[in-house]
Amino acid sequence: QQETKYVSGRIRIKDKDGNIIIDT
Protein backbone atom coordinates (compact mmCIF):
# COMPACT_ATOMS: atom_id res chain seq x y z
CA GLN A 1 0.00 0.00 0.00
CA GLN A 2 1.18 3.53 -0.84
CA GLU A 3 0.26 6.79 0.86
CA THR A 4 1.21 10.22 -0.46
CA LYS A 5 0.65 13.34 1.65
CA TYR A 6 1.01 16.63 -0.18
CA VAL A 7 1.78 20.03 1.34
CA SER A 8 -1.68 21.24 0.29
CA GLY A 9 -3.22 18.67 2.67
CA ARG A 10 -4.23 16.32 -0.13
CA ILE A 11 -3.82 12.61 0.70
CA ARG A 12 -3.76 9.84 -1.88
CA ILE A 13 -3.74 6.16 -0.92
CA LYS A 14 -3.19 3.31 -3.39
CA ASP A 15 -3.51 -0.42 -2.81
CA LYS A 16 -0.70 -2.89 -3.54
CA ASP A 17 -1.72 -3.04 -7.20
CA GLY A 18 -1.59 0.74 -7.66
CA ASN A 19 -5.37 1.29 -7.60
CA ILE A 20 -6.42 4.53 -5.91
CA ILE A 21 -8.39 3.84 -2.73
CA ILE A 22 -8.61 7.41 -1.40
CA ASP A 23 -7.75 10.74 -3.00
CA THR A 24 -8.74 13.84 -1.04
PDBML (XML) file of the C-alpha atoms, coordinates in Angstrom:
<?xml version="1.0" encoding="UTF-8" ?>
<PDBx:datablock datablockName="MODEL"
   xmlns:PDBx="http://pdbml.pdb.org/schema/pdbx-v50.xsd"
   xmlns:xsi="http://www.w3.org/2001/XMLSchema-instance"
   xsi:schemaLocation="http://pdbml.pdb.org/schema/pdbx-v50.xsd pdbx-v50.xsd">
   <PDBx:atom_siteCategory>
      <PDBx:atom_site id="1">
         <PDBx:B_iso_or_equiv>0.00</PDBx:B_iso_or_equiv>
         <PDBx:Cartn_x>0.000</PDBx:Cartn_x>
         <PDBx:Cartn_y>0.000</PDBx:Cartn_y>
         <PDBx:Cartn_z>0.000</PDBx:Cartn_z>
         <PDBx:auth_asym_id>A</PDBx:auth_asym_id>
         <PDBx:auth_atom_id>CA</PDBx:auth_atom_id>
         <PDBx:auth_comp_id>GLN</PDBx:auth_comp_id>
         <PDBx:auth_seq_id>1</PDBx:auth_seq_id>
         <PDBx:group_PDB>ATOM</PDBx:group_PDB>
         <PDBx:label_alt_id xsi:nil="true" />
         <PDBx:label_asym_id>A</PDBx:label_asym_id>
         <PDBx:label_atom_id>CA</PDBx:label_atom_id>
         <PDBx:label_comp_id>GLN</PDBx:label_comp_id>
         <PDBx:label_entity_id>1</PDBx:label_entity_id>
         <PDBx:label_seq_id>1</PDBx:label_seq_id>
         <PDBx:occupancy>1.00</PDBx:occupancy>
         <PDBx:pdbx_PDB_model_num>1</PDBx:pdbx_PDB_model_num>
         <PDBx:type_symbol>C</PDBx:type_symbol>
      </PDBx:atom_site>
      <PDBx:atom_site id="2">
         <PDBx:B_iso_or_equiv>0.00</PDBx:B_iso_or_equiv>
         <PDBx:Cartn_x>1.179</PDBx:Cartn_x>
         <PDBx:Cartn_y>3.534</PDBx:Cartn_y>
         <PDBx:Cartn_z>-0.842</PDBx:Cartn_z>
         <PDBx:auth_asym_id>A</PDBx:auth_asym_id>
         <PDBx:auth_atom_id>CA</PDBx:auth_atom_id>
         <PDBx:auth_comp_id>GLN</PDBx:auth_comp_id>
         <PDBx:auth_seq_id>2</PDBx:auth_seq_id>
         <PDBx:group_PDB>ATOM</PDBx:group_PDB>
         <PDBx:label_alt_id xsi:nil="true" />
         <PDBx:label_asym_id>A</PDBx:label_asym_id>
         <PDBx:label_atom_id>CA</PDBx:label_atom_id>
         <PDBx:label_comp_id>GLN</PDBx:label_comp_id>
         <PDBx:label_entity_id>1</PDBx:label_entity_id>
         <PDBx:label_seq_id>2</PDBx:label_seq_id>
         <PDBx:occupancy>1.00</PDBx:occupancy>
         <PDBx:pdbx_PDB_model_num>1</PDBx:pdbx_PDB_model_num>
         <PDBx:type_symbol>C</PDBx:type_symbol>
      </PDBx:atom_site>
      <PDBx:atom_site id="3">
         <PDBx:B_iso_or_equiv>0.00</PDBx:B_iso_or_equiv>
         <PDBx:Cartn_x>0.265</PDBx:Cartn_x>
         <PDBx:Cartn_y>6.786</PDBx:Cartn_y>
         <PDBx:Cartn_z>0.860</PDBx:Cartn_z>
         <PDBx:auth_asym_id>A</PDBx:auth_asym_id>
         <PDBx:auth_atom_id>CA</PDBx:auth_atom_id>
         <PDBx:auth_comp_id>GLU</PDBx:auth_comp_id>
         <PDBx:auth_seq_id>3</PDBx:auth_seq_id>
         <PDBx:group_PDB>ATOM</PDBx:group_PDB>
         <PDBx:label_alt_id xsi:nil="true" />
         <PDBx:label_asym_id>A</PDBx:label_asym_id>
         <PDBx:label_atom_id>CA</PDBx:label_atom_id>
         <PDBx:label_comp_id>GLU</PDBx:label_comp_id>
         <PDBx:label_entity_id>1</PDBx:label_entity_id>
         <PDBx:label_seq_id>3</PDBx:label_seq_id>
         <PDBx:occupancy>1.00</PDBx:occupancy>
         <PDBx:pdbx_PDB_model_num>1</PDBx:pdbx_PDB_model_num>
         <PDBx:type_symbol>C</PDBx:type_symbol>
      </PDBx:atom_site>
      <PDBx:atom_site id="4">
         <PDBx:B_iso_or_equiv>0.00</PDBx:B_iso_or_equiv>
         <PDBx:Cartn_x>1.208</PDBx:Cartn_x>
         <PDBx:Cartn_y>10.218</PDBx:Cartn_y>
         <PDBx:Cartn_z>-0.457</PDBx:Cartn_z>
         <PDBx:auth_asym_id>A</PDBx:auth_asym_id>
         <PDBx:auth_atom_id>CA</PDBx:auth_atom_id>
         <PDBx:auth_comp_id>THR</PDBx:auth_comp_id>
         <PDBx:auth_seq_id>4</PDBx:auth_seq_id>
         <PDBx:group_PDB>ATOM</PDBx:group_PDB>
         <PDBx:label_alt_id xsi:nil="true" />
         <PDBx:label_asym_id>A</PDBx:label_asym_id>
         <PDBx:label_atom_id>CA</PDBx:label_atom_id>
         <PDBx:label_comp_id>THR</PDBx:label_comp_id>
         <PDBx:label_entity_id>1</PDBx:label_entity_id>
         <PDBx:label_seq_id>4</PDBx:label_seq_id>
         <PDBx:occupancy>1.00</PDBx:occupancy>
         <PDBx:pdbx_PDB_model_num>1</PDBx:pdbx_PDB_model_num>
         <PDBx:type_symbol>C</PDBx:type_symbol>
      </PDBx:atom_site>
      <PDBx:atom_site id="5">
         <PDBx:B_iso_or_equiv>0.00</PDBx:B_iso_or_equiv>
         <PDBx:Cartn_x>0.654</PDBx:Cartn_x>
         <PDBx:Cartn_y>13.335</PDBx:Cartn_y>
         <PDBx:Cartn_z>1.653</PDBx:Cartn_z>
         <PDBx:auth_asym_id>A</PDBx:auth_asym_id>
         <PDBx:auth_atom_id>CA</PDBx:auth_atom_id>
         <PDBx:auth_comp_id>LYS</PDBx:auth_comp_id>
         <PDBx:auth_seq_id>5</PDBx:auth_seq_id>
         <PDBx:group_PDB>ATOM</PDBx:group_PDB>
         <PDBx:label_alt_id xsi:nil="true" />
         <PDBx:label_asym_id>A</PDBx:label_asym_id>
         <PDBx:label_atom_id>CA</PDBx:label_atom_id>
         <PDBx:label_comp_id>LYS</PDBx:label_comp_id>
         <PDBx:label_entity_id>1</PDBx:label_entity_id>
         <PDBx:label_seq_id>5</PDBx:label_seq_id>
         <PDBx:occupancy>1.00</PDBx:occupancy>
         <PDBx:pdbx_PDB_model_num>1</PDBx:pdbx_PDB_model_num>
         <PDBx:type_symbol>C</PDBx:type_symbol>
      </PDBx:atom_site>
      <PDBx:atom_site id="6">
         <PDBx:B_iso_or_equiv>0.00</PDBx:B_iso_or_equiv>
         <PDBx:Cartn_x>1.006</PDBx:Cartn_x>
         <PDBx:Cartn_y>16.634</PDBx:Cartn_y>
         <PDBx:Cartn_z>-0.183</PDBx:Cartn_z>
         <PDBx:auth_asym_id>A</PDBx:auth_asym_id>
         <PDBx:auth_atom_id>CA</PDBx:auth_atom_id>
         <PDBx:auth_comp_id>TYR</PDBx:auth_comp_id>
         <PDBx:auth_seq_id>6</PDBx:auth_seq_id>
         <PDBx:group_PDB>ATOM</PDBx:group_PDB>
         <PDBx:label_alt_id xsi:nil="true" />
         <PDBx:label_asym_id>A</PDBx:label_asym_id>
         <PDBx:label_atom_id>CA</PDBx:label_atom_id>
         <PDBx:label_comp_id>TYR</PDBx:label_comp_id>
         <PDBx:label_entity_id>1</PDBx:label_entity_id>
         <PDBx:label_seq_id>6</PDBx:label_seq_id>
         <PDBx:occupancy>1.00</PDBx:occupancy>
         <PDBx:pdbx_PDB_model_num>1</PDBx:pdbx_PDB_model_num>
         <PDBx:type_symbol>C</PDBx:type_symbol>
      </PDBx:atom_site>
      <PDBx:atom_site id="7">
         <PDBx:B_iso_or_equiv>0.00</PDBx:B_iso_or_equiv>
         <PDBx:Cartn_x>1.783</PDBx:Cartn_x>
         <PDBx:Cartn_y>20.031</PDBx:Cartn_y>
         <PDBx:Cartn_z>1.335</PDBx:Cartn_z>
         <PDBx:auth_asym_id>A</PDBx:auth_asym_id>
         <PDBx:auth_atom_id>CA</PDBx:auth_atom_id>
         <PDBx:auth_comp_id>VAL</PDBx:auth_comp_id>
         <PDBx:auth_seq_id>7</PDBx:auth_seq_id>
         <PDBx:group_PDB>ATOM</PDBx:group_PDB>
         <PDBx:label_alt_id xsi:nil="true" />
         <PDBx:label_asym_id>A</PDBx:label_asym_id>
         <PDBx:label_atom_id>CA</PDBx:label_atom_id>
         <PDBx:label_comp_id>VAL</PDBx:label_comp_id>
         <PDBx:label_entity_id>1</PDBx:label_entity_id>
         <PDBx:label_seq_id>7</PDBx:label_seq_id>
         <PDBx:occupancy>1.00</PDBx:occupancy>
         <PDBx:pdbx_PDB_model_num>1</PDBx:pdbx_PDB_model_num>
         <PDBx:type_symbol>C</PDBx:type_symbol>
      </PDBx:atom_site>
      <PDBx:atom_site id="8">
         <PDBx:B_iso_or_equiv>0.00</PDBx:B_iso_or_equiv>
         <PDBx:Cartn_x>-1.676</PDBx:Cartn_x>
         <PDBx:Cartn_y>21.238</PDBx:Cartn_y>
         <PDBx:Cartn_z>0.288</PDBx:Cartn_z>
         <PDBx:auth_asym_id>A</PDBx:auth_asym_id>
         <PDBx:auth_atom_id>CA</PDBx:auth_atom_id>
         <PDBx:auth_comp_id>SER</PDBx:auth_comp_id>
         <PDBx:auth_seq_id>8</PDBx:auth_seq_id>
         <PDBx:group_PDB>ATOM</PDBx:group_PDB>
         <PDBx:label_alt_id xsi:nil="true" />
         <PDBx:label_asym_id>A</PDBx:label_asym_id>
         <PDBx:label_atom_id>CA</PDBx:label_atom_id>
         <PDBx:label_comp_id>SER</PDBx:label_comp_id>
         <PDBx:label_entity_id>1</PDBx:label_entity_id>
         <PDBx:label_seq_id>8</PDBx:label_seq_id>
         <PDBx:occupancy>1.00</PDBx:occupancy>
         <PDBx:pdbx_PDB_model_num>1</PDBx:pdbx_PDB_model_num>
         <PDBx:type_symbol>C</PDBx:type_symbol>
      </PDBx:atom_site>
      <PDBx:atom_site id="9">
         <PDBx:B_iso_or_equiv>0.00</PDBx:B_iso_or_equiv>
         <PDBx:Cartn_x>-3.215</PDBx:Cartn_x>
         <PDBx:Cartn_y>18.673</PDBx:Cartn_y>
         <PDBx:Cartn_z>2.665</PDBx:Cartn_z>
         <PDBx:auth_asym_id>A</PDBx:auth_asym_id>
         <PDBx:auth_atom_id>CA</PDBx:auth_atom_id>
         <PDBx:auth_comp_id>GLY</PDBx:auth_comp_id>
         <PDBx:auth_seq_id>9</PDBx:auth_seq_id>
         <PDBx:group_PDB>ATOM</PDBx:group_PDB>
         <PDBx:label_alt_id xsi:nil="true" />
         <PDBx:label_asym_id>A</PDBx:label_asym_id>
         <PDBx:label_atom_id>CA</PDBx:label_atom_id>
         <PDBx:label_comp_id>GLY</PDBx:label_comp_id>
         <PDBx:label_entity_id>1</PDBx:label_entity_id>
         <PDBx:label_seq_id>9</PDBx:label_seq_id>
         <PDBx:occupancy>1.00</PDBx:occupancy>
         <PDBx:pdbx_PDB_model_num>1</PDBx:pdbx_PDB_model_num>
         <PDBx:type_symbol>C</PDBx:type_symbol>
      </PDBx:atom_site>
      <PDBx:atom_site id="10">
         <PDBx:B_iso_or_equiv>0.00</PDBx:B_iso_or_equiv>
         <PDBx:Cartn_x>-4.230</PDBx:Cartn_x>
         <PDBx:Cartn_y>16.316</PDBx:Cartn_y>
         <PDBx:Cartn_z>-0.131</PDBx:Cartn_z>
         <PDBx:auth_asym_id>A</PDBx:auth_asym_id>
         <PDBx:auth_atom_id>CA</PDBx:auth_atom_id>
         <PDBx:auth_comp_id>ARG</PDBx:auth_comp_id>
         <PDBx:auth_seq_id>10</PDBx:auth_seq_id>
         <PDBx:group_PDB>ATOM</PDBx:group_PDB>
         <PDBx:label_alt_id xsi:nil="true" />
         <PDBx:label_asym_id>A</PDBx:label_asym_id>
         <PDBx:label_atom_id>CA</PDBx:label_atom_id>
         <PDBx:label_comp_id>ARG</PDBx:label_comp_id>
         <PDBx:label_entity_id>1</PDBx:label_entity_id>
         <PDBx:label_seq_id>10</PDBx:label_seq_id>
         <PDBx:occupancy>1.00</PDBx:occupancy>
         <PDBx:pdbx_PDB_model_num>1</PDBx:pdbx_PDB_model_num>
         <PDBx:type_symbol>C</PDBx:type_symbol>
      </PDBx:atom_site>
      <PDBx:atom_site id="11">
         <PDBx:B_iso_or_equiv>0.00</PDBx:B_iso_or_equiv>
         <PDBx:Cartn_x>-3.820</PDBx:Cartn_x>
         <PDBx:Cartn_y>12.607</PDBx:Cartn_y>
         <PDBx:Cartn_z>0.702</PDBx:Cartn_z>
         <PDBx:auth_asym_id>A</PDBx:auth_asym_id>
         <PDBx:auth_atom_id>CA</PDBx:auth_atom_id>
         <PDBx:auth_comp_id>ILE</PDBx:auth_comp_id>
         <PDBx:auth_seq_id>11</PDBx:auth_seq_id>
         <PDBx:group_PDB>ATOM</PDBx:group_PDB>
         <PDBx:label_alt_id xsi:nil="true" />
         <PDBx:label_asym_id>A</PDBx:label_asym_id>
         <PDBx:label_atom_id>CA</PDBx:label_atom_id>
         <PDBx:label_comp_id>ILE</PDBx:label_comp_id>
         <PDBx:label_entity_id>1</PDBx:label_entity_id>
         <PDBx:label_seq_id>11</PDBx:label_seq_id>
         <PDBx:occupancy>1.00</PDBx:occupancy>
         <PDBx:pdbx_PDB_model_num>1</PDBx:pdbx_PDB_model_num>
         <PDBx:type_symbol>C</PDBx:type_symbol>
      </PDBx:atom_site>
      <PDBx:atom_site id="12">
         <PDBx:B_iso_or_equiv>0.00</PDBx:B_iso_or_equiv>
         <PDBx:Cartn_x>-3.759</PDBx:Cartn_x>
         <PDBx:Cartn_y>9.839</PDBx:Cartn_y>
         <PDBx:Cartn_z>-1.884</PDBx:Cartn_z>
         <PDBx:auth_asym_id>A</PDBx:auth_asym_id>
         <PDBx:auth_atom_id>CA</PDBx:auth_atom_id>
         <PDBx:auth_comp_id>ARG</PDBx:auth_comp_id>
         <PDBx:auth_seq_id>12</PDBx:auth_seq_id>
         <PDBx:group_PDB>ATOM</PDBx:group_PDB>
         <PDBx:label_alt_id xsi:nil="true" />
         <PDBx:label_asym_id>A</PDBx:label_asym_id>
         <PDBx:label_atom_id>CA</PDBx:label_atom_id>
         <PDBx:label_comp_id>ARG</PDBx:label_comp_id>
         <PDBx:label_entity_id>1</PDBx:label_entity_id>
         <PDBx:label_seq_id>12</PDBx:label_seq_id>
         <PDBx:occupancy>1.00</PDBx:occupancy>
         <PDBx:pdbx_PDB_model_num>1</PDBx:pdbx_PDB_model_num>
         <PDBx:type_symbol>C</PDBx:type_symbol>
      </PDBx:atom_site>
      <PDBx:atom_site id="13">
         <PDBx:B_iso_or_equiv>0.00</PDBx:B_iso_or_equiv>
         <PDBx:Cartn_x>-3.735</PDBx:Cartn_x>
         <PDBx:Cartn_y>6.164</PDBx:Cartn_y>
         <PDBx:Cartn_z>-0.924</PDBx:Cartn_z>
         <PDBx:auth_asym_id>A</PDBx:auth_asym_id>
         <PDBx:auth_atom_id>CA</PDBx:auth_atom_id>
         <PDBx:auth_comp_id>ILE</PDBx:auth_comp_id>
         <PDBx:auth_seq_id>13</PDBx:auth_seq_id>
         <PDBx:group_PDB>ATOM</PDBx:group_PDB>
         <PDBx:label_alt_id xsi:nil="true" />
         <PDBx:label_asym_id>A</PDBx:label_asym_id>
         <PDBx:label_atom_id>CA</PDBx:label_atom_id>
         <PDBx:label_comp_id>ILE</PDBx:label_comp_id>
         <PDBx:label_entity_id>1</PDBx:label_entity_id>
         <PDBx:label_seq_id>13</PDBx:label_seq_id>
         <PDBx:occupancy>1.00</PDBx:occupancy>
         <PDBx:pdbx_PDB_model_num>1</PDBx:pdbx_PDB_model_num>
         <PDBx:type_symbol>C</PDBx:type_symbol>
      </PDBx:atom_site>
      <PDBx:atom_site id="14">
         <PDBx:B_iso_or_equiv>0.00</PDBx:B_iso_or_equiv>
         <PDBx:Cartn_x>-3.195</PDBx:Cartn_x>
         <PDBx:Cartn_y>3.313</PDBx:Cartn_y>
         <PDBx:Cartn_z>-3.388</PDBx:Cartn_z>
         <PDBx:auth_asym_id>A</PDBx:auth_asym_id>
         <PDBx:auth_atom_id>CA</PDBx:auth_atom_id>
         <PDBx:auth_comp_id>LYS</PDBx:auth_comp_id>
         <PDBx:auth_seq_id>14</PDBx:auth_seq_id>
         <PDBx:group_PDB>ATOM</PDBx:group_PDB>
         <PDBx:label_alt_id xsi:nil="true" />
         <PDBx:label_asym_id>A</PDBx:label_asym_id>
         <PDBx:label_atom_id>CA</PDBx:label_atom_id>
         <PDBx:label_comp_id>LYS</PDBx:label_comp_id>
         <PDBx:label_entity_id>1</PDBx:label_entity_id>
         <PDBx:label_seq_id>14</PDBx:label_seq_id>
         <PDBx:occupancy>1.00</PDBx:occupancy>
         <PDBx:pdbx_PDB_model_num>1</PDBx:pdbx_PDB_model_num>
         <PDBx:type_symbol>C</PDBx:type_symbol>
      </PDBx:atom_site>
      <PDBx:atom_site id="15">
         <PDBx:B_iso_or_equiv>0.00</PDBx:B_iso_or_equiv>
         <PDBx:Cartn_x>-3.514</PDBx:Cartn_x>
         <PDBx:Cartn_y>-0.416</PDBx:Cartn_y>
         <PDBx:Cartn_z>-2.808</PDBx:Cartn_z>
         <PDBx:auth_asym_id>A</PDBx:auth_asym_id>
         <PDBx:auth_atom_id>CA</PDBx:auth_atom_id>
         <PDBx:auth_comp_id>ASP</PDBx:auth_comp_id>
         <PDBx:auth_seq_id>15</PDBx:auth_seq_id>
         <PDBx:group_PDB>ATOM</PDBx:group_PDB>
         <PDBx:label_alt_id xsi:nil="true" />
         <PDBx:label_asym_id>A</PDBx:label_asym_id>
         <PDBx:label_atom_id>CA</PDBx:label_atom_id>
         <PDBx:label_comp_id>ASP</PDBx:label_comp_id>
         <PDBx:label_entity_id>1</PDBx:label_entity_id>
         <PDBx:label_seq_id>15</PDBx:label_seq_id>
         <PDBx:occupancy>1.00</PDBx:occupancy>
         <PDBx:pdbx_PDB_model_num>1</PDBx:pdbx_PDB_model_num>
         <PDBx:type_symbol>C</PDBx:type_symbol>
      </PDBx:atom_site>
      <PDBx:atom_site id="16">
         <PDBx:B_iso_or_equiv>0.00</PDBx:B_iso_or_equiv>
         <PDBx:Cartn_x>-0.698</PDBx:Cartn_x>
         <PDBx:Cartn_y>-2.890</PDBx:Cartn_y>
         <PDBx:Cartn_z>-3.535</PDBx:Cartn_z>
         <PDBx:auth_asym_id>A</PDBx:auth_asym_id>
         <PDBx:auth_atom_id>CA</PDBx:auth_atom_id>
         <PDBx:auth_comp_id>LYS</PDBx:auth_comp_id>
         <PDBx:auth_seq_id>16</PDBx:auth_seq_id>
         <PDBx:group_PDB>ATOM</PDBx:group_PDB>
         <PDBx:label_alt_id xsi:nil="true" />
         <PDBx:label_asym_id>A</PDBx:label_asym_id>
         <PDBx:label_atom_id>CA</PDBx:label_atom_id>
         <PDBx:label_comp_id>LYS</PDBx:label_comp_id>
         <PDBx:label_entity_id>1</PDBx:label_entity_id>
         <PDBx:label_seq_id>16</PDBx:label_seq_id>
         <PDBx:occupancy>1.00</PDBx:occupancy>
         <PDBx:pdbx_PDB_model_num>1</PDBx:pdbx_PDB_model_num>
         <PDBx:type_symbol>C</PDBx:type_symbol>
      </PDBx:atom_site>
      <PDBx:atom_site id="17">
         <PDBx:B_iso_or_equiv>0.00</PDBx:B_iso_or_equiv>
         <PDBx:Cartn_x>-1.723</PDBx:Cartn_x>
         <PDBx:Cartn_y>-3.041</PDBx:Cartn_y>
         <PDBx:Cartn_z>-7.204</PDBx:Cartn_z>
         <PDBx:auth_asym_id>A</PDBx:auth_asym_id>
         <PDBx:auth_atom_id>CA</PDBx:auth_atom_id>
         <PDBx:auth_comp_id>ASP</PDBx:auth_comp_id>
         <PDBx:auth_seq_id>17</PDBx:auth_seq_id>
         <PDBx:group_PDB>ATOM</PDBx:group_PDB>
         <PDBx:label_alt_id xsi:nil="true" />
         <PDBx:label_asym_id>A</PDBx:label_asym_id>
         <PDBx:label_atom_id>CA</PDBx:label_atom_id>
         <PDBx:label_comp_id>ASP</PDBx:label_comp_id>
         <PDBx:label_entity_id>1</PDBx:label_entity_id>
         <PDBx:label_seq_id>17</PDBx:label_seq_id>
         <PDBx:occupancy>1.00</PDBx:occupancy>
         <PDBx:pdbx_PDB_model_num>1</PDBx:pdbx_PDB_model_num>
         <PDBx:type_symbol>C</PDBx:type_symbol>
      </PDBx:atom_site>
      <PDBx:atom_site id="18">
         <PDBx:B_iso_or_equiv>0.00</PDBx:B_iso_or_equiv>
         <PDBx:Cartn_x>-1.592</PDBx:Cartn_x>
         <PDBx:Cartn_y>0.743</PDBx:Cartn_y>
         <PDBx:Cartn_z>-7.657</PDBx:Cartn_z>
         <PDBx:auth_asym_id>A</PDBx:auth_asym_id>
         <PDBx:auth_atom_id>CA</PDBx:auth_atom_id>
         <PDBx:auth_comp_id>GLY</PDBx:auth_comp_id>
         <PDBx:auth_seq_id>18</PDBx:auth_seq_id>
         <PDBx:group_PDB>ATOM</PDBx:group_PDB>
         <PDBx:label_alt_id xsi:nil="true" />
         <PDBx:label_asym_id>A</PDBx:label_asym_id>
         <PDBx:label_atom_id>CA</PDBx:label_atom_id>
         <PDBx:label_comp_id>GLY</PDBx:label_comp_id>
         <PDBx:label_entity_id>1</PDBx:label_entity_id>
         <PDBx:label_seq_id>18</PDBx:label_seq_id>
         <PDBx:occupancy>1.00</PDBx:occupancy>
         <PDBx:pdbx_PDB_model_num>1</PDBx:pdbx_PDB_model_num>
         <PDBx:type_symbol>C</PDBx:type_symbol>
      </PDBx:atom_site>
      <PDBx:atom_site id="19">
         <PDBx:B_iso_or_equiv>0.00</PDBx:B_iso_or_equiv>
         <PDBx:Cartn_x>-5.372</PDBx:Cartn_x>
         <PDBx:Cartn_y>1.290</PDBx:Cartn_y>
         <PDBx:Cartn_z>-7.596</PDBx:Cartn_z>
         <PDBx:auth_asym_id>A</PDBx:auth_asym_id>
         <PDBx:auth_atom_id>CA</PDBx:auth_atom_id>
         <PDBx:auth_comp_id>ASN</PDBx:auth_comp_id>
         <PDBx:auth_seq_id>19</PDBx:auth_seq_id>
         <PDBx:group_PDB>ATOM</PDBx:group_PDB>
         <PDBx:label_alt_id xsi:nil="true" />
         <PDBx:label_asym_id>A</PDBx:label_asym_id>
         <PDBx:label_atom_id>CA</PDBx:label_atom_id>
         <PDBx:label_comp_id>ASN</PDBx:label_comp_id>
         <PDBx:label_entity_id>1</PDBx:label_entity_id>
         <PDBx:label_seq_id>19</PDBx:label_seq_id>
         <PDBx:occupancy>1.00</PDBx:occupancy>
         <PDBx:pdbx_PDB_model_num>1</PDBx:pdbx_PDB_model_num>
         <PDBx:type_symbol>C</PDBx:type_symbol>
      </PDBx:atom_site>
      <PDBx:atom_site id="20">
         <PDBx:B_iso_or_equiv>0.00</PDBx:B_iso_or_equiv>
         <PDBx:Cartn_x>-6.423</PDBx:Cartn_x>
         <PDBx:Cartn_y>4.530</PDBx:Cartn_y>
         <PDBx:Cartn_z>-5.912</PDBx:Cartn_z>
         <PDBx:auth_asym_id>A</PDBx:auth_asym_id>
         <PDBx:auth_atom_id>CA</PDBx:auth_atom_id>
         <PDBx:auth_comp_id>ILE</PDBx:auth_comp_id>
         <PDBx:auth_seq_id>20</PDBx:auth_seq_id>
         <PDBx:group_PDB>ATOM</PDBx:group_PDB>
         <PDBx:label_alt_id xsi:nil="true" />
         <PDBx:label_asym_id>A</PDBx:label_asym_id>
         <PDBx:label_atom_id>CA</PDBx:label_atom_id>
         <PDBx:label_comp_id>ILE</PDBx:label_comp_id>
         <PDBx:label_entity_id>1</PDBx:label_entity_id>
         <PDBx:label_seq_id>20</PDBx:label_seq_id>
         <PDBx:occupancy>1.00</PDBx:occupancy>
         <PDBx:pdbx_PDB_model_num>1</PDBx:pdbx_PDB_model_num>
         <PDBx:type_symbol>C</PDBx:type_symbol>
      </PDBx:atom_site>
      <PDBx:atom_site id="21">
         <PDBx:B_iso_or_equiv>0.00</PDBx:B_iso_or_equiv>
         <PDBx:Cartn_x>-8.393</PDBx:Cartn_x>
         <PDBx:Cartn_y>3.840</PDBx:Cartn_y>
         <PDBx:Cartn_z>-2.726</PDBx:Cartn_z>
         <PDBx:auth_asym_id>A</PDBx:auth_asym_id>
         <PDBx:auth_atom_id>CA</PDBx:auth_atom_id>
         <PDBx:auth_comp_id>ILE</PDBx:auth_comp_id>
         <PDBx:auth_seq_id>21</PDBx:auth_seq_id>
         <PDBx:group_PDB>ATOM</PDBx:group_PDB>
         <PDBx:label_alt_id xsi:nil="true" />
         <PDBx:label_asym_id>A</PDBx:label_asym_id>
         <PDBx:label_atom_id>CA</PDBx:label_atom_id>
         <PDBx:label_comp_id>ILE</PDBx:label_comp_id>
         <PDBx:label_entity_id>1</PDBx:label_entity_id>
         <PDBx:label_seq_id>21</PDBx:label_seq_id>
         <PDBx:occupancy>1.00</PDBx:occupancy>
         <PDBx:pdbx_PDB_model_num>1</PDBx:pdbx_PDB_model_num>
         <PDBx:type_symbol>C</PDBx:type_symbol>
      </PDBx:atom_site>
      <PDBx:atom_site id="22">
         <PDBx:B_iso_or_equiv>0.00</PDBx:B_iso_or_equiv>
         <PDBx:Cartn_x>-8.610</PDBx:Cartn_x>
         <PDBx:Cartn_y>7.405</PDBx:Cartn_y>
         <PDBx:Cartn_z>-1.399</PDBx:Cartn_z>
         <PDBx:auth_asym_id>A</PDBx:auth_asym_id>
         <PDBx:auth_atom_id>CA</PDBx:auth_atom_id>
         <PDBx:auth_comp_id>ILE</PDBx:auth_comp_id>
         <PDBx:auth_seq_id>22</PDBx:auth_seq_id>
         <PDBx:group_PDB>ATOM</PDBx:group_PDB>
         <PDBx:label_alt_id xsi:nil="true" />
         <PDBx:label_asym_id>A</PDBx:label_asym_id>
         <PDBx:label_atom_id>CA</PDBx:label_atom_id>
         <PDBx:label_comp_id>ILE</PDBx:label_comp_id>
         <PDBx:label_entity_id>1</PDBx:label_entity_id>
         <PDBx:label_seq_id>22</PDBx:label_seq_id>
         <PDBx:occupancy>1.00</PDBx:occupancy>
         <PDBx:pdbx_PDB_model_num>1</PDBx:pdbx_PDB_model_num>
         <PDBx:type_symbol>C</PDBx:type_symbol>
      </PDBx:atom_site>
      <PDBx:atom_site id="23">
         <PDBx:B_iso_or_equiv>0.00</PDBx:B_iso_or_equiv>
         <PDBx:Cartn_x>-7.750</PDBx:Cartn_x>
         <PDBx:Cartn_y>10.742</PDBx:Cartn_y>
         <PDBx:Cartn_z>-2.998</PDBx:Cartn_z>
         <PDBx:auth_asym_id>A</PDBx:auth_asym_id>
         <PDBx:auth_atom_id>CA</PDBx:auth_atom_id>
         <PDBx:auth_comp_id>ASP</PDBx:auth_comp_id>
         <PDBx:auth_seq_id>23</PDBx:auth_seq_id>
         <PDBx:group_PDB>ATOM</PDBx:group_PDB>
         <PDBx:label_alt_id xsi:nil="true" />
         <PDBx:label_asym_id>A</PDBx:label_asym_id>
         <PDBx:label_atom_id>CA</PDBx:label_atom_id>
         <PDBx:label_comp_id>ASP</PDBx:label_comp_id>
         <PDBx:label_entity_id>1</PDBx:label_entity_id>
         <PDBx:label_seq_id>23</PDBx:label_seq_id>
         <PDBx:occupancy>1.00</PDBx:occupancy>
         <PDBx:pdbx_PDB_model_num>1</PDBx:pdbx_PDB_model_num>
         <PDBx:type_symbol>C</PDBx:type_symbol>
      </PDBx:atom_site>
      <PDBx:atom_site id="24">
         <PDBx:B_iso_or_equiv>0.00</PDBx:B_iso_or_equiv>
         <PDBx:Cartn_x>-8.736</PDBx:Cartn_x>
         <PDBx:Cartn_y>13.841</PDBx:Cartn_y>
         <PDBx:Cartn_z>-1.040</PDBx:Cartn_z>
         <PDBx:auth_asym_id>A</PDBx:auth_asym_id>
         <PDBx:auth_atom_id>CA</PDBx:auth_atom_id>
         <PDBx:auth_comp_id>THR</PDBx:auth_comp_id>
         <PDBx:auth_seq_id>24</PDBx:auth_seq_id>
         <PDBx:group_PDB>ATOM</PDBx:group_PDB>
         <PDBx:label_alt_id xsi:nil="true" />
         <PDBx:label_asym_id>A</PDBx:label_asym_id>
         <PDBx:label_atom_id>CA</PDBx:label_atom_id>
         <PDBx:label_comp_id>THR</PDBx:label_comp_id>
         <PDBx:label_entity_id>1</PDBx:label_entity_id>
         <PDBx:label_seq_id>24</PDBx:label_seq_id>
         <PDBx:occupancy>1.00</PDBx:occupancy>
         <PDBx:pdbx_PDB_model_num>1</PDBx:pdbx_PDB_model_num>
         <PDBx:type_symbol>C</PDBx:type_symbol>
      </PDBx:atom_site>
   </PDBx:atom_siteCategory>
</PDBx:datablock>
